[in-house]
Every structure is written in structure tokens, then in C-alpha cells.
Amino acid sequence: MNRTSNPDPDNRQAGKEGPALNSYRLNILVANKRGVLAQVSSMISKRGADIEELNYKPASKGSLSSLEMVVSAGKGQLKGILNDARKLSDIKAISTDQG
């Protein structure tokens, strides 16, 4: 059996029903170092969610930065993003609220 990856894991192509998507605001405290934004955006992309908004600012402590993101995702996708984020050593804290 030949397995191929599904480029549209949530079946969001035109004409197909997919999971209900909501906008969620993610507040993420990350290490202020090269490549962290790429790690975070890749993690979100792998879950099939879309980044709608992004705001970056240095936190009060010089070694940390604050990422504020609004992502479009289903509830299962959001749960996966939060679980994956807690496994990344460069993410120091993450919280969410529906945007």
C-alpha cells in the first residue's frame, strides 16, 4: 500500500466540510534567540493551523521575548499546538484565549 501525505489534513479545500475553525490568541514567552520564531511558526503549520496575526516584542528581561499570535484552528488543533509548545525548550510559557 502506497501512503502519501495529505496536504490538506483538515479537508479545508473548497467544497469539503472540515472542523469548525475559531480564532485563538496565543501569548507565548520565548527565549530571545535566533530561530525561535521559525520553530514556533513551523509547529503551528505542522498542526494545520493558520497564523492570522503576529506581534513580537522584547520582554522586560533581556533574554526573553513575547510573541502574541492569533491562529485559526479547530479545538483539536489548538490542543495539539499547546501540547507541542510545552515540549519546546525555548518556549518558557504559553497561554491562550479565544480571539
N, C-alpha and C. Protein backbone atom coordinates (compact mmCIF):
# COMPACT_ATOMS: atom_id res chain seq x y z
N MET A 1 0.84 -1.18 0.00
CA MET A 1 0.00 0.00 0.00
C MET A 1 0.89 1.24 0.00
N ASN A 2 0.65 2.12 -0.92
CA ASN A 2 1.43 3.34 -1.03
C ASN A 2 0.76 4.44 -0.23
N ARG A 3 1.47 4.96 0.76
CA ARG A 3 0.92 6.05 1.59
C ARG A 3 1.51 7.37 1.14
N THR A 4 0.65 8.34 1.02
CA THR A 4 1.11 9.69 0.69
C THR A 4 0.61 10.63 1.76
N SER A 5 1.33 11.72 1.95
CA SER A 5 0.88 12.69 2.95
C SER A 5 -0.29 13.47 2.39
N ASN A 6 -1.17 13.85 3.26
CA ASN A 6 -2.34 14.63 2.88
C ASN A 6 -2.01 16.10 3.04
N PRO A 7 -1.91 16.86 1.92
CA PRO A 7 -1.58 18.27 2.04
C PRO A 7 -2.68 19.10 2.69
N ASP A 8 -3.84 18.51 2.86
CA ASP A 8 -4.97 19.22 3.46
C ASP A 8 -5.55 18.34 4.57
N PRO A 9 -4.83 18.19 5.70
CA PRO A 9 -5.24 17.24 6.73
C PRO A 9 -6.60 17.52 7.34
N ASP A 10 -7.08 18.73 7.27
CA ASP A 10 -8.37 19.07 7.86
C ASP A 10 -9.48 19.16 6.81
N ASN A 11 -9.18 18.75 5.58
CA ASN A 11 -10.15 18.76 4.50
C ASN A 11 -10.81 20.12 4.33
N ARG A 12 -9.95 21.17 4.30
CA ARG A 12 -10.47 22.54 4.18
C ARG A 12 -10.53 23.01 2.74
N GLN A 13 -10.30 22.11 1.78
CA GLN A 13 -10.37 22.52 0.39
C GLN A 13 -11.81 22.91 0.07
N ALA A 14 -11.95 23.73 -0.97
CA ALA A 14 -13.28 24.20 -1.35
C ALA A 14 -14.22 23.02 -1.57
N GLY A 15 -15.42 23.13 -1.01
CA GLY A 15 -16.42 22.12 -1.22
C GLY A 15 -16.38 20.96 -0.23
N LYS A 16 -15.44 20.93 0.68
CA LYS A 16 -15.35 19.85 1.65
C LYS A 16 -15.58 20.41 3.04
N GLU A 17 -16.33 19.66 3.82
CA GLU A 17 -16.57 20.07 5.20
C GLU A 17 -15.37 19.71 6.05
N GLY A 18 -14.96 20.59 6.89
CA GLY A 18 -13.85 20.35 7.81
C GLY A 18 -14.28 20.72 9.21
N PRO A 19 -13.37 20.65 10.15
CA PRO A 19 -13.72 21.02 11.52
C PRO A 19 -14.01 22.51 11.63
N ALA A 20 -14.82 22.86 12.60
CA ALA A 20 -15.11 24.27 12.83
C ALA A 20 -13.83 24.97 13.28
N LEU A 21 -13.51 26.08 12.63
CA LEU A 21 -12.31 26.83 12.98
C LEU A 21 -12.69 28.07 13.76
N ASN A 22 -11.88 28.36 14.75
CA ASN A 22 -12.04 29.56 15.57
C ASN A 22 -10.72 30.30 15.59
N SER A 23 -10.77 31.55 15.99
CA SER A 23 -9.55 32.33 16.19
C SER A 23 -9.18 32.28 17.66
N TYR A 24 -7.92 31.95 17.92
CA TYR A 24 -7.41 31.89 19.28
C TYR A 24 -6.19 32.79 19.40
N ARG A 25 -6.12 33.53 20.49
CA ARG A 25 -4.96 34.38 20.77
C ARG A 25 -3.99 33.57 21.63
N LEU A 26 -2.76 33.44 21.16
CA LEU A 26 -1.71 32.75 21.91
C LEU A 26 -0.75 33.79 22.45
N ASN A 27 -0.48 33.75 23.73
CA ASN A 27 0.52 34.60 24.36
C ASN A 27 1.67 33.69 24.75
N ILE A 28 2.82 33.89 24.11
CA ILE A 28 3.94 32.98 24.26
C ILE A 28 5.18 33.74 24.72
N LEU A 29 5.77 33.28 25.79
CA LEU A 29 7.04 33.84 26.27
C LEU A 29 8.14 32.90 25.81
N VAL A 30 9.07 33.43 25.01
CA VAL A 30 10.09 32.59 24.39
C VAL A 30 11.49 33.11 24.69
N ALA A 31 12.47 32.23 24.51
CA ALA A 31 13.87 32.64 24.62
C ALA A 31 14.16 33.62 23.48
N ASN A 32 14.86 34.67 23.78
CA ASN A 32 15.19 35.69 22.78
C ASN A 32 16.46 35.26 22.05
N LYS A 33 16.28 34.34 21.09
CA LYS A 33 17.44 33.89 20.32
C LYS A 33 17.01 33.50 18.90
N ARG A 34 18.00 33.42 18.05
CA ARG A 34 17.79 33.16 16.64
C ARG A 34 17.07 31.83 16.42
N GLY A 35 16.09 31.84 15.52
CA GLY A 35 15.41 30.63 15.10
C GLY A 35 14.16 30.26 15.89
N VAL A 36 13.89 30.94 16.98
CA VAL A 36 12.74 30.57 17.81
C VAL A 36 11.42 30.85 17.08
N LEU A 37 11.31 31.98 16.41
CA LEU A 37 10.09 32.28 15.67
C LEU A 37 9.85 31.23 14.60
N ALA A 38 10.89 30.79 13.93
CA ALA A 38 10.76 29.74 12.91
C ALA A 38 10.27 28.43 13.54
N GLN A 39 10.78 28.09 14.71
CA GLN A 39 10.33 26.88 15.41
C GLN A 39 8.84 26.96 15.74
N VAL A 40 8.43 28.09 16.26
CA VAL A 40 7.04 28.25 16.68
C VAL A 40 6.11 28.23 15.46
N SER A 41 6.45 28.97 14.42
CA SER A 41 5.58 29.00 13.24
C SER A 41 5.53 27.64 12.55
N SER A 42 6.64 26.92 12.53
CA SER A 42 6.66 25.57 11.95
C SER A 42 5.77 24.62 12.74
N MET A 43 5.82 24.71 14.06
CA MET A 43 5.00 23.87 14.92
C MET A 43 3.52 24.11 14.64
N ILE A 44 3.13 25.36 14.48
CA ILE A 44 1.73 25.70 14.21
C ILE A 44 1.33 25.21 12.82
N SER A 45 2.21 25.38 11.86
CA SER A 45 1.94 24.92 10.50
C SER A 45 1.77 23.41 10.43
N LYS A 46 2.59 22.68 11.16
CA LYS A 46 2.50 21.21 11.16
C LYS A 46 1.17 20.72 11.70
N ARG A 47 0.53 21.51 12.53
CA ARG A 47 -0.79 21.16 13.06
C ARG A 47 -1.91 21.59 12.12
N GLY A 48 -1.56 22.23 11.00
CA GLY A 48 -2.56 22.62 10.01
C GLY A 48 -3.30 23.90 10.35
N ALA A 49 -2.80 24.66 11.30
CA ALA A 49 -3.44 25.92 11.69
C ALA A 49 -2.80 27.07 10.90
N ASP A 50 -3.50 28.17 10.84
CA ASP A 50 -3.01 29.36 10.14
C ASP A 50 -2.74 30.48 11.14
N ILE A 51 -1.64 31.19 10.92
CA ILE A 51 -1.34 32.37 11.73
C ILE A 51 -2.01 33.57 11.07
N GLU A 52 -2.93 34.20 11.77
CA GLU A 52 -3.64 35.36 11.24
C GLU A 52 -2.97 36.67 11.62
N GLU A 53 -2.42 36.73 12.83
CA GLU A 53 -1.74 37.94 13.31
C GLU A 53 -0.51 37.52 14.11
N LEU A 54 0.49 38.41 14.11
CA LEU A 54 1.72 38.15 14.85
C LEU A 54 2.27 39.46 15.37
N ASN A 55 2.61 39.47 16.65
CA ASN A 55 3.22 40.65 17.26
C ASN A 55 4.38 40.16 18.12
N TYR A 56 5.54 40.73 17.92
CA TYR A 56 6.74 40.36 18.66
C TYR A 56 7.24 41.58 19.42
N LYS A 57 7.64 41.36 20.68
CA LYS A 57 8.27 42.45 21.42
C LYS A 57 9.18 41.86 22.48
N PRO A 58 10.29 42.52 22.73
CA PRO A 58 11.18 42.07 23.80
C PRO A 58 10.46 42.17 25.14
N ALA A 59 10.64 41.19 25.97
CA ALA A 59 10.06 41.23 27.32
C ALA A 59 10.95 42.09 28.21
N SER A 60 10.52 42.32 29.42
CA SER A 60 11.29 43.17 30.31
C SER A 60 12.65 42.59 30.63
N LYS A 61 12.75 41.28 30.60
CA LYS A 61 14.04 40.62 30.81
C LYS A 61 14.70 40.45 29.45
N GLY A 62 15.95 40.83 29.31
CA GLY A 62 16.63 40.81 28.02
C GLY A 62 16.76 39.46 27.35
N SER A 63 16.68 38.37 28.09
CA SER A 63 16.85 37.05 27.49
C SER A 63 15.54 36.45 27.00
N LEU A 64 14.42 37.16 27.21
CA LEU A 64 13.11 36.66 26.81
C LEU A 64 12.41 37.63 25.87
N SER A 65 11.51 37.09 25.05
CA SER A 65 10.68 37.89 24.17
C SER A 65 9.25 37.40 24.27
N SER A 66 8.33 38.29 23.91
CA SER A 66 6.91 37.96 23.94
C SER A 66 6.39 37.86 22.51
N LEU A 67 5.72 36.75 22.21
CA LEU A 67 5.04 36.57 20.94
C LEU A 67 3.55 36.55 21.21
N GLU A 68 2.83 37.38 20.50
CA GLU A 68 1.38 37.34 20.56
C GLU A 68 0.90 36.95 19.18
N MET A 69 0.17 35.85 19.10
CA MET A 69 -0.31 35.35 17.81
C MET A 69 -1.81 35.12 17.87
N VAL A 70 -2.45 35.34 16.76
CA VAL A 70 -3.83 34.89 16.59
C VAL A 70 -3.77 33.80 15.54
N VAL A 71 -4.26 32.62 15.91
CA VAL A 71 -4.25 31.49 14.99
C VAL A 71 -5.67 31.04 14.72
N SER A 72 -5.89 30.57 13.51
CA SER A 72 -7.17 29.99 13.12
C SER A 72 -7.00 28.48 13.19
N ALA A 73 -7.77 27.85 14.07
CA ALA A 73 -7.60 26.42 14.30
C ALA A 73 -8.88 25.80 14.86
N GLY A 74 -8.97 24.49 14.72
CA GLY A 74 -10.02 23.73 15.38
C GLY A 74 -9.59 23.45 16.81
N LYS A 75 -10.51 22.97 17.63
CA LYS A 75 -10.19 22.71 19.04
C LYS A 75 -9.10 21.65 19.18
N GLY A 76 -9.15 20.62 18.35
CA GLY A 76 -8.13 19.57 18.40
C GLY A 76 -6.77 20.09 17.98
N GLN A 77 -6.76 20.95 16.97
CA GLN A 77 -5.51 21.55 16.53
C GLN A 77 -4.91 22.41 17.63
N LEU A 78 -5.75 23.21 18.28
CA LEU A 78 -5.27 24.07 19.36
C LEU A 78 -4.67 23.23 20.49
N LYS A 79 -5.35 22.16 20.86
CA LYS A 79 -4.84 21.28 21.92
C LYS A 79 -3.47 20.73 21.53
N GLY A 80 -3.32 20.31 20.27
CA GLY A 80 -2.04 19.80 19.79
C GLY A 80 -0.95 20.86 19.81
N ILE A 81 -1.29 22.09 19.42
CA ILE A 81 -0.33 23.19 19.43
C ILE A 81 0.15 23.44 20.86
N LEU A 82 -0.77 23.50 21.80
CA LEU A 82 -0.40 23.75 23.19
C LEU A 82 0.47 22.63 23.75
N ASN A 83 0.14 21.39 23.43
CA ASN A 83 0.95 20.26 23.89
C ASN A 83 2.35 20.30 23.29
N ASP A 84 2.42 20.56 21.97
CA ASP A 84 3.72 20.63 21.30
C ASP A 84 4.56 21.78 21.85
N ALA A 85 3.92 22.92 22.11
CA ALA A 85 4.64 24.11 22.59
C ALA A 85 5.29 23.84 23.94
N ARG A 86 4.61 23.10 24.77
CA ARG A 86 5.16 22.82 26.10
C ARG A 86 6.36 21.90 26.05
N LYS A 87 6.59 21.26 24.93
CA LYS A 87 7.74 20.36 24.76
C LYS A 87 8.98 21.10 24.24
N LEU A 88 8.80 22.30 23.69
CA LEU A 88 9.92 23.06 23.14
C LEU A 88 10.64 23.80 24.26
N SER A 89 11.93 23.58 24.38
CA SER A 89 12.69 24.19 25.48
C SER A 89 12.77 25.72 25.37
N ASP A 90 12.63 26.27 24.17
CA ASP A 90 12.72 27.72 24.00
C ASP A 90 11.41 28.43 24.33
N ILE A 91 10.33 27.69 24.53
CA ILE A 91 9.07 28.29 24.96
C ILE A 91 9.01 28.18 26.48
N LYS A 92 9.00 29.33 27.13
CA LYS A 92 9.03 29.38 28.59
C LYS A 92 7.64 29.38 29.21
N ALA A 93 6.66 29.92 28.49
CA ALA A 93 5.27 29.95 28.98
C ALA A 93 4.36 30.15 27.78
N ILE A 94 3.13 29.60 27.86
CA ILE A 94 2.15 29.81 26.81
C ILE A 94 0.76 29.83 27.44
N SER A 95 -0.06 30.75 26.98
CA SER A 95 -1.45 30.82 27.42
C SER A 95 -2.30 31.19 26.21
N THR A 96 -3.60 30.96 26.32
CA THR A 96 -4.47 31.23 25.18
C THR A 96 -5.82 31.74 25.66
N ASP A 97 -6.48 32.46 24.77
CA ASP A 97 -7.87 32.82 24.95
C ASP A 97 -8.45 32.96 23.56
N GLN A 98 -9.74 32.75 23.46
CA GLN A 98 -10.38 32.84 22.15
C GLN A 98 -10.39 34.28 21.70
N GLY A 99 -9.88 34.53 20.45
CA GLY A 99 -9.74 35.89 19.96
C GLY A 99 -10.87 36.41 19.27
